[in-house]
Amino acid sequence: MTDQEQFADRFSVSRETIDRLSHYETLLVKWTSKINLIAKSTVPEIWSRHFVDSAQVFEAVPADAQKLCDLGSGGGFPGLVIAALAKEKAPNLNVTLVESDLRKASFLMAAAREMDLDVNILAERVEQLSPQAADVVTARALAPLVALMSMADLHLKKGGTALFLKGERYQQELDTAAEMWDFNYEKRLSMTSDESALIIITKLRRAA
C-alpha cells in the first residue's frame, strides 16, 4: 500500500483530497530546494510524517468550529493540510495561516492557489497581528508552550480551543506553563512519534 493509500484509509478522505495533497507534495519538494520549508532528510516522509502529523490536528478540531488560525505556518503544517481536509470534511471552517517569513508566505499563497483552497494568508508576526477571535488556534514546532499560551490568549475567542503539536518535552512544558496560566488540557499520543503529543487546551486564562 502506498503512502497515499495509507493516508486515505487512515483519515477516510476522497481521491480528490489525495490528489490535492499529492500536488502539495510536489510543490513542497520543488520549493524546498530553494527555501527551507522542511528538512531535506524528511522529504521521503512527507506523507507519513508531515501530512499525518497535521491531519491528526484536524481530527481534534471541534465540529462546530468556524474559524481556525494556524500560527507560524512555515511550509503549511498543520494549517494547509487542515485546509485541504476541511474542503472535503468541514466546508464551513474558515482557515487563516500566519507566517512572517515572506518567502514562506509566498509559497503558502502559491500552494493554496494551485490546490484550489480558499484560505487567508497573513504575512505578519503572530505577536503583532490584530486579535483574530478564532474558535481554534494551531501550531507545530513554533515556540515553547508558555509562549504559545500568550499567542493563544491573544487570538482565541472566549471558549476557544488551542491545538499544539509538541515533542518529547511536552510534559515539562505543560508544567512550566501551569505556573503562569490556568487551563484544562488533554494529551493525545502522536500518530507519528511515541515521544510526542497533541496537546488540546481549553478554558485558557492567566493565573491569578
Protein backbone atom coordinates (compact mmCIF):
# COMPACT_ATOMS: atom_id res chain seq x y z
CA MET A 1 0.00 0.00 0.00
CA THR A 2 1.38 3.42 -0.95
CA ASP A 3 1.74 6.33 1.46
CA GLN A 4 -1.20 8.00 -0.27
CA GLU A 5 -3.38 4.90 0.08
CA GLN A 6 -2.44 4.52 3.75
CA PHE A 7 -3.29 8.17 4.38
CA ALA A 8 -6.63 7.86 2.56
CA ASP A 9 -7.51 4.77 4.56
CA ARG A 10 -6.46 6.21 7.91
CA PHE A 11 -8.30 9.52 7.53
CA SER A 12 -11.16 8.43 5.23
CA VAL A 13 -10.62 11.05 2.54
CA SER A 14 -11.58 11.10 -1.11
CA ARG A 15 -9.45 10.67 -4.20
CA GLU A 16 -9.86 14.39 -4.84
CA THR A 17 -8.30 15.25 -1.46
CA ILE A 18 -5.44 12.81 -2.07
CA ASP A 19 -4.82 14.40 -5.48
CA ARG A 20 -4.79 17.84 -3.87
CA LEU A 21 -2.26 16.72 -1.25
CA SER A 22 -0.17 14.98 -3.91
CA HIS A 23 0.08 18.28 -5.74
CA TYR A 24 1.10 19.92 -2.45
CA GLU A 25 3.81 17.26 -2.03
CA THR A 26 5.21 18.12 -5.47
CA LEU A 27 5.27 21.82 -4.62
CA LEU A 28 6.98 21.17 -1.29
CA VAL A 29 9.78 19.19 -2.93
CA LYS A 30 10.22 21.84 -5.62
CA TRP A 31 10.29 24.83 -3.27
CA THR A 32 12.36 23.11 -0.54
CA SER A 33 15.26 23.08 -2.99
CA LYS A 34 15.17 26.90 -2.80
CA ILE A 35 13.92 27.77 0.69
CA ASN A 36 13.89 25.83 3.94
CA LEU A 37 10.30 24.56 4.14
CA ILE A 38 11.09 21.11 5.54
CA ALA A 39 14.32 19.31 6.36
CA LYS A 40 15.54 17.66 3.16
CA SER A 41 16.07 14.44 5.12
CA THR A 42 12.30 14.27 5.72
CA VAL A 43 11.27 14.61 2.06
CA PRO A 44 10.67 10.82 1.80
CA GLU A 45 8.40 11.13 4.87
CA ILE A 46 6.11 13.92 3.67
CA TRP A 47 3.01 11.73 3.87
CA SER A 48 3.88 9.52 6.84
CA ARG A 49 5.30 12.35 8.94
CA HIS A 50 4.25 15.85 7.89
CA PHE A 51 0.81 15.09 6.45
CA VAL A 52 -0.21 12.57 9.14
CA ASP A 53 1.09 14.90 11.85
CA SER A 54 -1.13 17.68 10.50
CA ALA A 55 -4.18 15.52 9.81
CA GLN A 56 -4.34 14.36 13.41
CA VAL A 57 -4.74 18.01 14.41
CA PHE A 58 -7.69 18.36 12.02
CA GLU A 59 -9.34 15.39 13.70
CA ALA A 60 -9.22 17.26 17.03
CA VAL A 61 -10.91 20.42 15.69
CA PRO A 62 -14.34 20.83 17.36
CA ALA A 63 -17.17 20.06 14.95
CA ASP A 64 -18.81 23.45 15.47
CA ALA A 65 -15.63 25.49 14.83
CA GLN A 66 -15.99 28.15 12.15
CA LYS A 67 -12.63 29.92 12.25
CA LEU A 68 -9.20 28.34 12.65
CA CYS A 69 -5.94 30.27 12.84
CA ASP A 70 -2.65 28.43 12.27
CA LEU A 71 0.24 30.27 13.89
CA GLY A 72 3.70 30.18 12.29
CA SER A 73 2.56 28.03 9.39
CA GLY A 74 6.01 27.67 7.78
CA GLY A 75 5.66 25.17 4.96
CA GLY A 76 1.96 24.74 5.73
CA PHE A 77 1.90 22.39 8.72
CA PRO A 78 -0.58 21.83 10.07
CA GLY A 79 -2.63 24.67 8.53
CA LEU A 80 -2.54 23.91 4.81
CA VAL A 81 -3.21 20.21 5.36
CA ILE A 82 -6.10 21.16 7.64
CA ALA A 83 -7.47 23.42 4.90
CA ALA A 84 -7.24 20.59 2.36
CA LEU A 85 -9.12 18.20 4.65
CA ALA A 86 -11.64 20.85 5.63
CA LYS A 87 -12.55 21.47 1.98
CA GLU A 88 -13.98 17.95 1.94
CA LYS A 89 -14.97 17.33 5.55
CA ALA A 90 -15.67 20.76 7.13
CA PRO A 91 -16.51 23.23 4.34
CA ASN A 92 -17.72 25.87 6.81
CA LEU A 93 -14.32 26.07 8.52
CA ASN A 94 -12.50 29.30 7.62
CA VAL A 95 -8.72 28.78 7.78
CA THR A 96 -6.13 31.52 8.29
CA LEU A 97 -2.38 30.88 8.01
CA VAL A 98 0.02 33.28 9.76
CA GLU A 99 3.64 33.28 8.56
CA SER A 100 6.03 36.23 8.98
CA ASP A 101 8.73 34.89 6.61
CA LEU A 102 7.81 36.49 3.28
CA ARG A 103 9.31 33.67 1.20
CA LYS A 104 7.36 31.04 3.09
CA ALA A 105 4.21 33.17 2.91
CA SER A 106 4.71 33.39 -0.87
CA PHE A 107 4.94 29.61 -1.01
CA LEU A 108 1.75 29.25 1.02
CA MET A 109 -0.07 31.62 -1.33
CA ALA A 110 1.13 29.74 -4.40
CA ALA A 111 0.32 26.33 -2.90
CA ALA A 112 -3.15 27.38 -1.76
CA ARG A 113 -3.90 28.77 -5.20
CA GLU A 114 -2.71 25.66 -7.02
CA MET A 115 -4.57 23.39 -4.56
CA ASP A 116 -7.75 25.41 -5.10
CA LEU A 117 -8.06 26.22 -1.39
CA ASP A 118 -9.80 29.32 -0.09
CA VAL A 119 -7.54 30.29 2.80
CA ASN A 120 -6.41 33.59 4.31
CA ILE A 121 -2.64 34.07 4.46
CA LEU A 122 -1.22 36.81 6.66
CA ALA A 123 2.49 37.65 6.30
CA GLU A 124 2.84 39.12 9.78
CA ARG A 125 4.34 38.26 13.14
CA VAL A 126 1.91 36.46 15.41
CA GLU A 127 2.57 38.85 18.29
CA GLN A 128 1.90 41.95 16.15
CA LEU A 129 -1.22 40.65 14.44
CA SER A 130 -4.59 42.09 15.43
CA PRO A 131 -6.63 39.65 17.57
CA GLN A 132 -8.21 37.00 15.33
CA ALA A 133 -11.08 35.87 17.58
CA ALA A 134 -10.62 32.32 16.32
CA ASP A 135 -12.53 29.29 17.55
CA VAL A 136 -9.32 27.27 17.21
CA VAL A 137 -5.63 28.12 17.07
CA THR A 138 -3.00 25.61 15.99
CA ALA A 139 0.79 25.48 15.90
CA ARG A 140 3.55 23.00 15.18
CA ALA A 141 7.20 23.47 16.13
CA LEU A 142 6.75 27.20 16.67
CA ALA A 143 7.63 28.06 20.27
CA PRO A 144 7.68 26.73 23.86
CA LEU A 145 4.22 26.08 25.26
CA VAL A 146 4.34 29.02 27.67
CA ALA A 147 4.88 31.37 24.70
CA LEU A 148 2.16 29.63 22.70
CA MET A 149 -0.23 30.28 25.58
CA SER A 150 0.30 34.03 25.18
CA MET A 151 -0.35 33.77 21.44
CA ALA A 152 -3.47 31.70 22.00
CA ASP A 153 -4.73 34.12 24.64
CA LEU A 154 -4.43 36.94 22.10
CA HIS A 155 -6.03 35.19 19.13
CA LEU A 156 -8.63 32.83 20.62
CA LYS A 157 -12.22 33.88 21.23
CA LYS A 158 -13.66 33.09 24.64
CA GLY A 159 -14.33 29.38 24.93
CA GLY A 160 -11.90 28.57 22.11
CA THR A 161 -9.57 25.60 21.76
CA ALA A 162 -5.80 25.52 21.20
CA LEU A 163 -4.23 22.52 19.44
CA PHE A 164 -0.46 22.31 19.77
CA LEU A 165 1.84 19.55 18.49
CA LYS A 166 4.71 19.17 20.94
CA GLY A 167 7.82 16.99 21.15
CA GLU A 168 9.26 14.76 23.82
CA ARG A 169 9.47 17.52 26.47
CA TYR A 170 5.75 18.26 26.33
CA GLN A 171 5.08 17.36 29.98
CA GLN A 172 7.87 19.65 31.17
CA GLU A 173 6.45 22.43 29.01
CA LEU A 174 2.98 21.86 30.44
CA ASP A 175 4.33 22.08 33.98
CA THR A 176 6.15 25.33 33.19
CA ALA A 177 3.09 26.83 31.52
CA ALA A 178 0.92 25.93 34.51
CA GLU A 179 2.97 28.34 36.64
CA MET A 180 1.63 31.28 34.61
CA TRP A 181 -1.63 30.04 33.14
CA ASP A 182 -4.80 28.28 34.22
CA PHE A 183 -6.14 25.84 31.63
CA ASN A 184 -7.66 22.45 31.02
CA TYR A 185 -5.80 20.07 28.76
CA GLU A 186 -5.91 16.69 27.11
CA LYS A 187 -2.88 14.80 25.79
CA ARG A 188 -3.17 12.58 22.73
CA LEU A 189 -0.17 10.46 21.85
CA SER A 190 1.13 11.49 18.44
CA MET A 191 0.45 9.23 15.46
CA THR A 192 3.98 9.86 14.21
CA SER A 193 6.09 9.55 17.37
CA ASP A 194 5.65 7.75 20.68
CA GLU A 195 7.56 10.58 22.37
CA SER A 196 5.38 13.42 21.05
CA ALA A 197 1.83 14.51 21.73
CA LEU A 198 -1.02 16.67 20.54
CA ILE A 199 -1.95 18.98 23.41
CA ILE A 200 -5.59 20.13 23.44
CA ILE A 201 -6.07 23.21 25.60
CA THR A 202 -9.37 24.73 26.70
CA LYS A 203 -10.51 27.32 29.27
CA LEU A 204 -7.23 29.20 29.00
CA ARG A 205 -6.71 32.23 31.22
CA ARG A 206 -3.87 33.90 33.05
CA ALA A 207 -3.22 32.58 36.52
CA ALA A 208 -4.29 34.89 39.31
